[in-house]
Amino acid sequence: NGKYFIREPSPGTIYLKGAGASPLGDRPFLDRMNLDTSTKERVWRCKAPKEGDIPNPTTNPLAPSEVGGKIPTDDERDDVYESLVVILDDNDTILISRESKTTPTNYYLTSLTTSNNT
């Protein structure tokens, strides 16, 4: 149905996409996994809502992973729902959809290395 895919951004790594269920609601994510070591790195995640506490992974081993292992600041949080649409061929740019209670769905290009939206 076109929902699942495997992409190898570099030899021995793949991307993993998930719905991202969390105490703050669904926060879709994209991980890069090393097939040799089975280690995962969170490279993108839907913004956290402004309200609610984000579990800290250093004190709670069951806490969902954040990009770079860093808890988002208040300025980085927003009351939007974002989801991954597609990974572009450069393996650094993704197309995401973003919507909120007051804004219809829009599409944005996002860099995985610089976190810039266009």
C-alpha atoms as a PDB file:
ATOM      1  CA  ASN A   1       0.000   0.000   0.000  1.00  0.00           C
ATOM      2  CA  GLY A   2       3.018   2.303  -0.264  1.00  0.00           C
ATOM      3  CA  LYS A   3       3.214   2.778   3.494  1.00  0.00           C
ATOM      4  CA  TYR A   4       6.412   0.835   4.171  1.00  0.00           C
ATOM      5  CA  PHE A   5       9.810   1.293   2.591  1.00  0.00           C
ATOM      6  CA  ILE A   6      13.480   0.579   3.148  1.00  0.00           C
ATOM      7  CA  ARG A   7      16.042   3.213   2.328  1.00  0.00           C
ATOM      8  CA  GLU A   8      19.772   2.818   2.900  1.00  0.00           C
ATOM      9  CA  PRO A   9      21.139   6.349   3.569  1.00  0.00           C
ATOM     10  CA  SER A  10      24.674   4.954   3.839  1.00  0.00           C
ATOM     11  CA  PRO A  11      26.055   1.420   3.610  1.00  0.00           C
ATOM     12  CA  GLY A  12      24.924  -0.623   6.609  1.00  0.00           C
ATOM     13  CA  THR A  13      22.217   1.797   7.815  1.00  0.00           C
ATOM     14  CA  ILE A  14      18.473   2.042   7.242  1.00  0.00           C
ATOM     15  CA  TYR A  15      15.691   4.438   8.226  1.00  0.00           C
ATOM     16  CA  LEU A  16      12.905   3.420  10.611  1.00  0.00           C
ATOM     17  CA  LYS A  17       9.624   5.365  10.691  1.00  0.00           C
ATOM     18  CA  GLY A  18       7.193   5.204  13.605  1.00  0.00           C
ATOM     19  CA  ALA A  19       3.947   6.706  14.922  1.00  0.00           C
ATOM     20  CA  GLY A  20       5.672   7.796  18.135  1.00  0.00           C
ATOM     21  CA  ALA A  21       3.055   7.138  20.809  1.00  0.00           C
ATOM     22  CA  SER A  22       4.016   9.145  23.907  1.00  0.00           C
ATOM     23  CA  PRO A  23       2.441  10.564  27.088  1.00  0.00           C
ATOM     24  CA  LEU A  24       1.951  13.798  25.090  1.00  0.00           C
ATOM     25  CA  GLY A  25       0.129  12.057  22.229  1.00  0.00           C
ATOM     26  CA  ASP A  26       1.415  10.700  18.929  1.00  0.00           C
ATOM     27  CA  ARG A  27       4.693  12.299  17.830  1.00  0.00           C
ATOM     28  CA  PRO A  28       5.841  10.579  14.609  1.00  0.00           C
ATOM     29  CA  PHE A  29       9.582  10.052  14.234  1.00  0.00           C
ATOM     30  CA  LEU A  30      12.351   8.921  11.904  1.00  0.00           C
ATOM     31  CA  ASP A  31      15.340   6.926  13.185  1.00  0.00           C
ATOM     32  CA  ARG A  32      18.531   5.869  11.451  1.00  0.00           C
ATOM     33  CA  MET A  33      19.652   2.361  12.484  1.00  0.00           C
ATOM     34  CA  ASN A  34      23.118   0.861  12.090  1.00  0.00           C
ATOM     35  CA  LEU A  35      22.604  -2.731  10.953  1.00  0.00           C
ATOM     36  CA  ASP A  36      25.989  -3.901  12.293  1.00  0.00           C
ATOM     37  CA  THR A  37      25.524  -2.581  15.841  1.00  0.00           C
ATOM     38  CA  SER A  38      21.691  -2.312  15.990  1.00  0.00           C
ATOM     39  CA  THR A  39      22.081   1.200  17.450  1.00  0.00           C
ATOM     40  CA  LYS A  40      19.452   3.785  16.554  1.00  0.00           C
ATOM     41  CA  GLU A  41      19.696   7.540  16.267  1.00  0.00           C
ATOM     42  CA  ARG A  42      16.590   9.742  16.243  1.00  0.00           C
ATOM     43  CA  VAL A  43      17.017  12.135  13.290  1.00  0.00           C
ATOM     44  CA  TRP A  44      13.536  13.741  13.202  1.00  0.00           C
ATOM     45  CA  ARG A  45      10.513  13.892  15.455  1.00  0.00           C
ATOM     46  CA  CYS A  46       7.217  15.799  15.466  1.00  0.00           C
ATOM     47  CA  LYS A  47       7.388  18.872  17.682  1.00  0.00           C
ATOM     48  CA  ALA A  48       6.302  18.423  21.280  1.00  0.00           C
ATOM     49  CA  PRO A  49       3.133  20.278  22.339  1.00  0.00           C
ATOM     50  CA  LYS A  50       3.508  23.369  24.511  1.00  0.00           C
ATOM     51  CA  GLU A  51       1.660  21.771  27.431  1.00  0.00           C
ATOM     52  CA  GLY A  52       2.821  18.696  29.312  1.00  0.00           C
ATOM     53  CA  ASP A  53       6.060  17.309  30.663  1.00  0.00           C
ATOM     54  CA  ILE A  54       8.462  15.494  28.380  1.00  0.00           C
ATOM     55  CA  PRO A  55       9.915  12.421  30.121  1.00  0.00           C
ATOM     56  CA  ASN A  56      13.681  12.650  30.606  1.00  0.00           C
ATOM     57  CA  PRO A  57      15.507   9.627  29.131  1.00  0.00           C
ATOM     58  CA  THR A  58      18.379   9.955  31.636  1.00  0.00           C
ATOM     59  CA  THR A  59      16.027   9.409  34.581  1.00  0.00           C
ATOM     60  CA  ASN A  60      13.371   7.299  32.845  1.00  0.00           C
ATOM     61  CA  PRO A  61      14.684   4.474  30.632  1.00  0.00           C
ATOM     62  CA  LEU A  62      11.225   4.081  29.052  1.00  0.00           C
ATOM     63  CA  ALA A  63      11.093   7.724  27.951  1.00  0.00           C
ATOM     64  CA  PRO A  64      10.712   8.246  24.191  1.00  0.00           C
ATOM     65  CA  SER A  65      13.862   9.377  22.414  1.00  0.00           C
ATOM     66  CA  GLU A  66      14.274  12.976  21.272  1.00  0.00           C
ATOM     67  CA  VAL A  67      16.414  14.202  18.351  1.00  0.00           C
ATOM     68  CA  GLY A  68      20.021  14.315  19.506  1.00  0.00           C
ATOM     69  CA  GLY A  69      18.935  13.023  22.926  1.00  0.00           C
ATOM     70  CA  LYS A  70      18.059  16.622  23.879  1.00  0.00           C
ATOM     71  CA  ILE A  71      14.783  17.642  25.553  1.00  0.00           C
ATOM     72  CA  PRO A  72      13.151  20.418  23.456  1.00  0.00           C
ATOM     73  CA  THR A  73      13.119  23.916  24.954  1.00  0.00           C
ATOM     74  CA  ASP A  74       9.864  25.858  25.309  1.00  0.00           C
ATOM     75  CA  ASP A  75      10.762  27.778  22.119  1.00  0.00           C
ATOM     76  CA  GLU A  76      11.127  24.512  20.193  1.00  0.00           C
ATOM     77  CA  ARG A  77       7.678  23.251  21.217  1.00  0.00           C
ATOM     78  CA  ASP A  78       4.528  24.013  19.232  1.00  0.00           C
ATOM     79  CA  ASP A  79       0.917  22.828  19.201  1.00  0.00           C
ATOM     80  CA  VAL A  80       1.106  21.189  15.766  1.00  0.00           C
ATOM     81  CA  TYR A  81       0.930  17.669  14.404  1.00  0.00           C
ATOM     82  CA  GLU A  82       3.659  16.768  11.920  1.00  0.00           C
ATOM     83  CA  SER A  83       4.118  13.574   9.960  1.00  0.00           C
ATOM     84  CA  LEU A  84       6.761  12.284   7.566  1.00  0.00           C
ATOM     85  CA  VAL A  85       5.616  12.176   3.943  1.00  0.00           C
ATOM     86  CA  VAL A  86       8.794  11.192   2.075  1.00  0.00           C
ATOM     87  CA  ILE A  87      12.594  11.132   2.294  1.00  0.00           C
ATOM     88  CA  LEU A  88      14.182  12.846  -0.698  1.00  0.00           C
ATOM     89  CA  ASP A  89      17.043  11.330  -2.704  1.00  0.00           C
ATOM     90  CA  ASP A  90      19.747  13.393  -0.952  1.00  0.00           C
ATOM     91  CA  ASN A  91      18.992  11.449   2.298  1.00  0.00           C
ATOM     92  CA  ASP A  92      19.112  14.750   4.209  1.00  0.00           C
ATOM     93  CA  THR A  93      15.827  16.379   3.179  1.00  0.00           C
ATOM     94  CA  ILE A  94      12.383  15.155   4.158  1.00  0.00           C
ATOM     95  CA  LEU A  95       8.927  16.367   3.212  1.00  0.00           C
ATOM     96  CA  ILE A  96       6.645  16.688   6.233  1.00  0.00           C
ATOM     97  CA  SER A  97       3.008  17.638   6.619  1.00  0.00           C
ATOM     98  CA  ARG A  98       2.104  20.024   9.447  1.00  0.00           C
ATOM     99  CA  GLU A  99      -1.310  21.010  10.759  1.00  0.00           C
ATOM    100  CA  SER A 100      -2.869  22.463  13.902  1.00  0.00           C
ATOM    101  CA  LYS A 101      -6.319  23.183  15.277  1.00  0.00           C
ATOM    102  CA  THR A 102      -6.279  26.548  13.498  1.00  0.00           C
ATOM    103  CA  THR A 103      -4.062  25.878  10.442  1.00  0.00           C
ATOM    104  CA  PRO A 104      -4.886  23.475   7.601  1.00  0.00           C
ATOM    105  CA  THR A 105      -2.322  20.924   6.465  1.00  0.00           C
ATOM    106  CA  ASN A 106       0.740  22.444   4.809  1.00  0.00           C
ATOM    107  CA  TYR A 107       3.877  20.754   3.494  1.00  0.00           C
ATOM    108  CA  TYR A 108       7.451  21.676   4.380  1.00  0.00           C
ATOM    109  CA  LEU A 109      10.914  20.565   3.331  1.00  0.00           C
ATOM    110  CA  THR A 110      13.064  19.901   6.385  1.00  0.00           C
ATOM    111  CA  SER A 111      16.789  19.212   6.603  1.00  0.00           C
ATOM    112  CA  LEU A 112      17.740  16.353   8.923  1.00  0.00           C
ATOM    113  CA  THR A 113      21.128  17.910   9.672  1.00  0.00           C
ATOM    114  CA  THR A 114      20.178  21.563  10.145  1.00  0.00           C
ATOM    115  CA  SER A 115      16.480  21.305  11.163  1.00  0.00           C
ATOM    116  CA  ASN A 116      15.536  24.117   8.773  1.00  0.00           C
ATOM    117  CA  ASN A 117      12.007  24.251   7.361  1.00  0.00           C
ATOM    118  CA  THR A 118      11.206  25.823   4.005  1.00  0.00           C
END
